[in-house]
C-alpha atoms as a PDB file:
ATOM      1  CA  MET A   1     -44.860 -70.740  53.206  1.00  0.00           C
ATOM      2  CA  SER A   2     -41.899 -71.244  50.877  1.00  0.00           C
ATOM      3  CA  ARG A   3     -42.428 -71.946  47.181  1.00  0.00           C
ATOM      4  CA  THR A   4     -40.191 -73.309  44.717  1.00  0.00           C
ATOM      5  CA  GLN A   5     -40.936 -72.808  41.057  1.00  0.00           C
ATOM      6  CA  ILE A   6     -41.057 -76.193  39.152  1.00  0.00           C
ATOM      7  CA  LEU A   7     -42.217 -74.813  35.760  1.00  0.00           C
ATOM      8  CA  ASP A   8     -41.640 -71.113  34.785  1.00  0.00           C
ATOM      9  CA  HIS A   9     -43.993 -70.139  31.993  1.00  0.00           C
ATOM     10  CA  ASP A  10     -42.275 -70.446  28.781  1.00  0.00           C
ATOM     11  CA  THR A  11     -41.386 -74.407  30.210  1.00  0.00           C
ATOM     12  CA  ILE A  12     -45.490 -74.757  30.224  1.00  0.00           C
ATOM     13  CA  VAL A  13     -45.718 -73.232  27.054  1.00  0.00           C
ATOM     14  CA  GLN A  14     -43.143 -75.792  25.666  1.00  0.00           C
ATOM     15  CA  LYS A  15     -44.666 -78.902  27.491  1.00  0.00           C
ATOM     16  CA  THR A  16     -48.204 -77.712  26.178  1.00  0.00           C
ATOM     17  CA  LYS A  17     -46.993 -77.435  22.809  1.00  0.00           C
ATOM     18  CA  ARG A  18     -45.803 -81.172  23.237  1.00  0.00           C
ATOM     19  CA  ILE A  19     -49.108 -82.260  24.988  1.00  0.00           C
ATOM     20  CA  ALA A  20     -50.923 -80.727  21.734  1.00  0.00           C
ATOM     21  CA  TYR A  21     -49.313 -82.338  19.529  1.00  0.00           C
ATOM     22  CA  GLN A  22     -48.759 -85.873  21.186  1.00  0.00           C
ATOM     23  CA  ILE A  23     -52.962 -85.837  21.579  1.00  0.00           C
ATOM     24  CA  VAL A  24     -53.599 -84.975  17.651  1.00  0.00           C
ATOM     25  CA  GLU A  25     -51.308 -87.750  16.848  1.00  0.00           C
ATOM     26  CA  ASP A  26     -53.169 -90.301  19.122  1.00  0.00           C
ATOM     27  CA  ASN A  27     -56.208 -89.090  17.671  1.00  0.00           C
ATOM     28  CA  PHE A  28     -54.823 -87.980  14.031  1.00  0.00           C
ATOM     29  CA  ASP A  29     -58.078 -89.869  12.355  1.00  0.00           C
ATOM     30  CA  GLU A  30     -60.579 -88.005  14.645  1.00  0.00           C
ATOM     31  CA  LYS A  31     -62.857 -84.836  13.074  1.00  0.00           C
ATOM     32  CA  GLU A  32     -63.286 -83.749  17.033  1.00  0.00           C
ATOM     33  CA  LEU A  33     -62.038 -83.884  20.554  1.00  0.00           C
ATOM     34  CA  VAL A  34     -64.039 -83.060  23.534  1.00  0.00           C
ATOM     35  CA  LEU A  35     -61.599 -81.303  26.045  1.00  0.00           C
ATOM     36  CA  ILE A  36     -63.716 -81.450  29.678  1.00  0.00           C
ATOM     37  CA  GLY A  37     -61.679 -79.102  32.397  1.00  0.00           C
ATOM     38  CA  ILE A  38     -61.814 -79.984  35.813  1.00  0.00           C
ATOM     39  CA  VAL A  39     -62.697 -76.468  37.530  1.00  0.00           C
ATOM     40  CA  PRO A  40     -60.898 -74.132  38.282  1.00  0.00           C
ATOM     41  CA  ASN A  41     -57.603 -75.135  36.873  1.00  0.00           C
ATOM     42  CA  GLY A  42     -57.976 -77.874  34.355  1.00  0.00           C
ATOM     43  CA  LEU A  43     -60.741 -75.893  32.805  1.00  0.00           C
ATOM     44  CA  ALA A  44     -57.995 -72.852  32.595  1.00  0.00           C
ATOM     45  CA  TYR A  45     -55.539 -75.644  31.138  1.00  0.00           C
ATOM     46  CA  ALA A  46     -57.843 -76.683  28.601  1.00  0.00           C
ATOM     47  CA  GLU A  47     -58.517 -73.497  26.859  1.00  0.00           C
ATOM     48  CA  LEU A  48     -54.769 -73.845  26.825  1.00  0.00           C
ATOM     49  CA  LEU A  49     -54.428 -76.787  25.040  1.00  0.00           C
ATOM     50  CA  LYS A  50     -57.426 -76.040  23.023  1.00  0.00           C
ATOM     51  CA  ALA A  51     -55.524 -73.011  21.269  1.00  0.00           C
ATOM     52  CA  ASN A  52     -52.133 -75.033  20.839  1.00  0.00           C
ATOM     53  CA  ILE A  53     -54.105 -77.835  19.013  1.00  0.00           C
ATOM     54  CA  GLN A  54     -55.772 -75.384  17.037  1.00  0.00           C
ATOM     55  CA  ALA A  55     -52.744 -73.762  16.188  1.00  0.00           C
ATOM     56  CA  PHE A  56     -51.798 -76.654  13.573  1.00  0.00           C
ATOM     57  CA  SER A  57     -54.526 -78.886  13.207  1.00  0.00           C
ATOM     58  CA  ASN A  58     -58.075 -78.677  12.008  1.00  0.00           C
ATOM     59  CA  ILE A  59     -59.772 -81.167  14.542  1.00  0.00           C
ATOM     60  CA  ALA A  60     -63.071 -79.463  15.728  1.00  0.00           C
ATOM     61  CA  ILE A  61     -62.284 -79.047  19.684  1.00  0.00           C
ATOM     62  CA  ASP A  62     -65.363 -78.417  22.271  1.00  0.00           C
ATOM     63  CA  ILE A  63     -64.383 -77.515  25.786  1.00  0.00           C
ATOM     64  CA  LEU A  64     -67.072 -78.440  28.637  1.00  0.00           C
ATOM     65  CA  SER A  65     -66.520 -78.031  32.010  1.00  0.00           C
ATOM     66  CA  LEU A  66     -67.116 -80.598  35.498  1.00  0.00           C
ATOM     67  CA  GLU A  67     -66.936 -79.395  38.962  1.00  0.00           C
ATOM     68  CA  LEU A  68     -66.575 -81.425  42.228  1.00  0.00           C
ATOM     69  CA  ASN A  69     -65.439 -81.152  45.597  1.00  0.00           C
ATOM     70  CA  LYS A  70     -62.036 -82.812  45.074  1.00  0.00           C
ATOM     71  CA  LEU A  71     -61.150 -83.554  48.783  1.00  0.00           C
ATOM     72  CA  ASN A  72     -64.582 -85.209  49.475  1.00  0.00           C
ATOM     73  CA  PRO A  73     -66.617 -85.835  46.092  1.00  0.00           C
ATOM     74  CA  LEU A  74     -69.518 -87.907  47.323  1.00  0.00           C
ATOM     75  CA  ASP A  75     -70.201 -84.513  49.950  1.00  0.00           C
ATOM     76  CA  GLU A  76     -71.684 -82.524  47.019  1.00  0.00           C
ATOM     77  CA  ALA A  77     -73.303 -83.261  43.477  1.00  0.00           C
ATOM     78  CA  ILE A  78     -70.875 -83.509  40.332  1.00  0.00           C
ATOM     79  CA  VAL A  79     -71.767 -80.881  37.949  1.00  0.00           C
ATOM     80  CA  PHE A  80     -71.059 -81.297  34.535  1.00  0.00           C
ATOM     81  CA  HIS A  81     -71.386 -78.389  32.031  1.00  0.00           C
ATOM     82  CA  LYS A  82     -72.151 -80.187  28.908  1.00  0.00           C
ATOM     83  CA  GLY A  83     -73.711 -77.514  27.084  1.00  0.00           C
ATOM     84  CA  LYS A  84     -74.846 -78.875  23.180  1.00  0.00           C
ATOM     85  CA  THR A  85     -72.401 -81.478  23.244  1.00  0.00           C
ATOM     86  CA  ASN A  86     -73.136 -85.284  23.234  1.00  0.00           C
ATOM     87  CA  LEU A  87     -70.210 -87.621  23.948  1.00  0.00           C
ATOM     88  CA  LYS A  88     -71.737 -90.978  22.430  1.00  0.00           C
ATOM     89  CA  ASN A  89     -69.063 -92.323  20.402  1.00  0.00           C
ATOM     90  CA  LYS A  90     -66.520 -89.129  20.809  1.00  0.00           C
ATOM     91  CA  VAL A  91     -63.128 -89.221  22.016  1.00  0.00           C
ATOM     92  CA  VAL A  92     -63.107 -86.987  25.401  1.00  0.00           C
ATOM     93  CA  ILE A  93     -59.954 -85.909  27.173  1.00  0.00           C
ATOM     94  CA  LEU A  94     -60.188 -85.182  31.129  1.00  0.00           C
ATOM     95  CA  VAL A  95     -58.004 -82.117  31.782  1.00  0.00           C
ATOM     96  CA  ASP A  96     -56.574 -80.959  35.196  1.00  0.00           C
ATOM     97  CA  ASP A  97     -53.453 -79.095  35.929  1.00  0.00           C
ATOM     98  CA  VAL A  98     -52.393 -81.295  38.790  1.00  0.00           C
ATOM     99  CA  ALA A  99     -52.664 -85.200  39.440  1.00  0.00           C
ATOM    100  CA  ASN A 100     -51.906 -86.703  42.633  1.00  0.00           C
ATOM    101  CA  THR A 101     -53.597 -89.568  44.002  1.00  0.00           C
ATOM    102  CA  GLY A 102     -56.402 -90.228  41.236  1.00  0.00           C
ATOM    103  CA  LYS A 103     -59.040 -89.268  42.836  1.00  0.00           C
ATOM    104  CA  THR A 104     -60.379 -86.362  41.355  1.00  0.00           C
ATOM    105  CA  ALA A 105     -60.245 -87.792  37.915  1.00  0.00           C
ATOM    106  CA  PHE A 106     -61.790 -91.189  39.714  1.00  0.00           C
ATOM    107  CA  TYR A 107     -64.740 -89.502  40.408  1.00  0.00           C
ATOM    108  CA  ALA A 108     -64.841 -87.151  37.659  1.00  0.00           C
ATOM    109  CA  LEU A 109     -65.032 -90.136  35.305  1.00  0.00           C
ATOM    110  CA  LYS A 110     -68.560 -90.860  36.284  1.00  0.00           C
ATOM    111  CA  PRO A 111     -70.609 -88.576  34.452  1.00  0.00           C
ATOM    112  CA  ILE A 112     -68.415 -88.780  31.468  1.00  0.00           C
ATOM    113  CA  MET A 113     -68.864 -92.523  31.218  1.00  0.00           C
ATOM    114  CA  ASP A 114     -72.642 -92.246  31.620  1.00  0.00           C
ATOM    115  CA  GLU A 115     -72.156 -90.409  28.139  1.00  0.00           C
ATOM    116  CA  ASN A 116     -70.885 -93.723  26.377  1.00  0.00           C
ATOM    117  CA  PRO A 117     -67.903 -92.138  24.807  1.00  0.00           C
ATOM    118  CA  LYS A 118     -65.489 -93.679  22.410  1.00  0.00           C
ATOM    119  CA  LYS A 119     -62.466 -93.254  24.226  1.00  0.00           C
ATOM    120  CA  VAL A 120     -61.241 -91.323  27.214  1.00  0.00           C
ATOM    121  CA  GLN A 121     -57.853 -90.144  27.780  1.00  0.00           C
ATOM    122  CA  ILE A 122     -56.179 -88.230  30.880  1.00  0.00           C
ATOM    123  CA  ALA A 123     -53.684 -84.701  30.277  1.00  0.00           C
ATOM    124  CA  VAL A 124     -52.223 -83.046  33.238  1.00  0.00           C
ATOM    125  CA  LEU A 125     -49.525 -80.614  33.508  1.00  0.00           C
ATOM    126  CA  VAL A 126     -47.960 -82.266  36.161  1.00  0.00           C
ATOM    127  CA  ASP A 127     -48.525 -85.838  37.559  1.00  0.00           C
ATOM    128  CA  ARG A 128     -47.496 -86.501  41.015  1.00  0.00           C
ATOM    129  CA  LYS A 129     -46.190 -90.198  42.086  1.00  0.00           C
ATOM    130  CA  HIS A 130     -48.871 -90.826  45.150  1.00  0.00           C
ATOM    131  CA  LYS A 131     -52.046 -92.837  43.173  1.00  0.00           C
ATOM    132  CA  LEU A 132     -54.210 -94.393  45.390  1.00  0.00           C
ATOM    133  CA  PHE A 133     -56.736 -94.879  42.924  1.00  0.00           C
ATOM    134  CA  PRO A 134     -56.385 -97.075  39.390  1.00  0.00           C
ATOM    135  CA  VAL A 135     -56.222 -93.773  37.193  1.00  0.00           C
ATOM    136  CA  ALA A 136     -52.950 -92.543  35.121  1.00  0.00           C
ATOM    137  CA  ALA A 137     -52.493 -90.073  32.557  1.00  0.00           C
ATOM    138  CA  ASP A 138     -51.859 -90.673  29.307  1.00  0.00           C
ATOM    139  CA  PHE A 139     -50.557 -86.872  28.364  1.00  0.00           C
ATOM    140  CA  VAL A 140     -47.920 -85.565  31.005  1.00  0.00           C
ATOM    141  CA  GLY A 141     -46.006 -81.865  30.915  1.00  0.00           C
ATOM    142  CA  MET A 142     -43.908 -83.292  34.091  1.00  0.00           C
ATOM    143  CA  SER A 143     -44.010 -86.348  36.571  1.00  0.00           C
ATOM    144  CA  LEU A 144     -42.572 -85.271  40.054  1.00  0.00           C
ATOM    145  CA  SER A 145     -42.296 -87.473  42.998  1.00  0.00           C
ATOM    146  CA  THR A 146     -42.580 -85.208  46.334  1.00  0.00           C
ATOM    147  CA  THR A 147     -43.190 -85.912  49.805  1.00  0.00           C
ATOM    148  CA  LEU A 148     -47.207 -86.526  51.138  1.00  0.00           C
ATOM    149  CA  LYS A 149     -46.468 -82.983  52.875  1.00  0.00           C
ATOM    150  CA  GLU A 150     -45.505 -81.015  49.798  1.00  0.00           C
ATOM    151  CA  HIS A 151     -47.865 -79.527  47.247  1.00  0.00           C
ATOM    152  CA  ILE A 152     -48.052 -78.313  43.531  1.00  0.00           C
ATOM    153  CA  LEU A 153     -49.574 -74.925  42.984  1.00  0.00           C
ATOM    154  CA  VAL A 154     -50.291 -73.795  39.753  1.00  0.00           C
ATOM    155  CA  GLU A 155     -50.928 -70.190  38.990  1.00  0.00           C
ATOM    156  CA  PHE A 156     -52.883 -69.013  36.058  1.00  0.00           C
ATOM    157  CA  GLU A 157     -52.804 -64.989  35.919  1.00  0.00           C
ATOM    158  CA  LYS A 158     -53.614 -63.485  32.800  1.00  0.00           C
ATOM    159  CA  LYS A 159     -51.440 -64.671  30.245  1.00  0.00           C
ATOM    160  CA  LYS A 160     -48.713 -66.259  32.257  1.00  0.00           C
ATOM    161  CA  VAL A 161     -48.559 -69.590  34.692  1.00  0.00           C
ATOM    162  CA  ASN A 162     -46.429 -70.971  36.860  1.00  0.00           C
ATOM    163  CA  ALA A 163     -46.106 -74.205  38.595  1.00  0.00           C
ATOM    164  CA  TYR A 164     -44.639 -73.895  42.334  1.00  0.00           C
ATOM    165  CA  LEU A 165     -43.625 -76.891  44.833  1.00  0.00           C
ATOM    166  CA  LEU A 166     -45.051 -75.655  48.178  1.00  0.00           C
END
């Protein structure tokens, strides 16, 4: 299977810094933000966003994780690892590497909304334009129109991140 690089590591670093600034600007009056990363790559990207936000802001950042079956979300339990963090009246940012149809985010929002947050936003590195569910990302590194047969792969390897079109 051929793969074409669409984002190299340096470009991802630049786009992630921009998203971090946008998140802080949009939530400048908050003392704390909760990033919820969809396992596996959304969680890795949430960690990257946290590091970027903390590089220039004093906003406290909690990171939580959420696991679900992306292809068939109702076939398995959605596992939300909250730790000690209560989401009531907090700003929550759901994080994933790639947004395709909106299905993953749509189902991931259920356990988050059960906690009665103040505001929920979505951040993704790559947003594909194949929405089937009424979910849109608030913070996007790159928007990309692809065919339905093409896929986006984001690889987190050690300290490098790259994105490919397959």
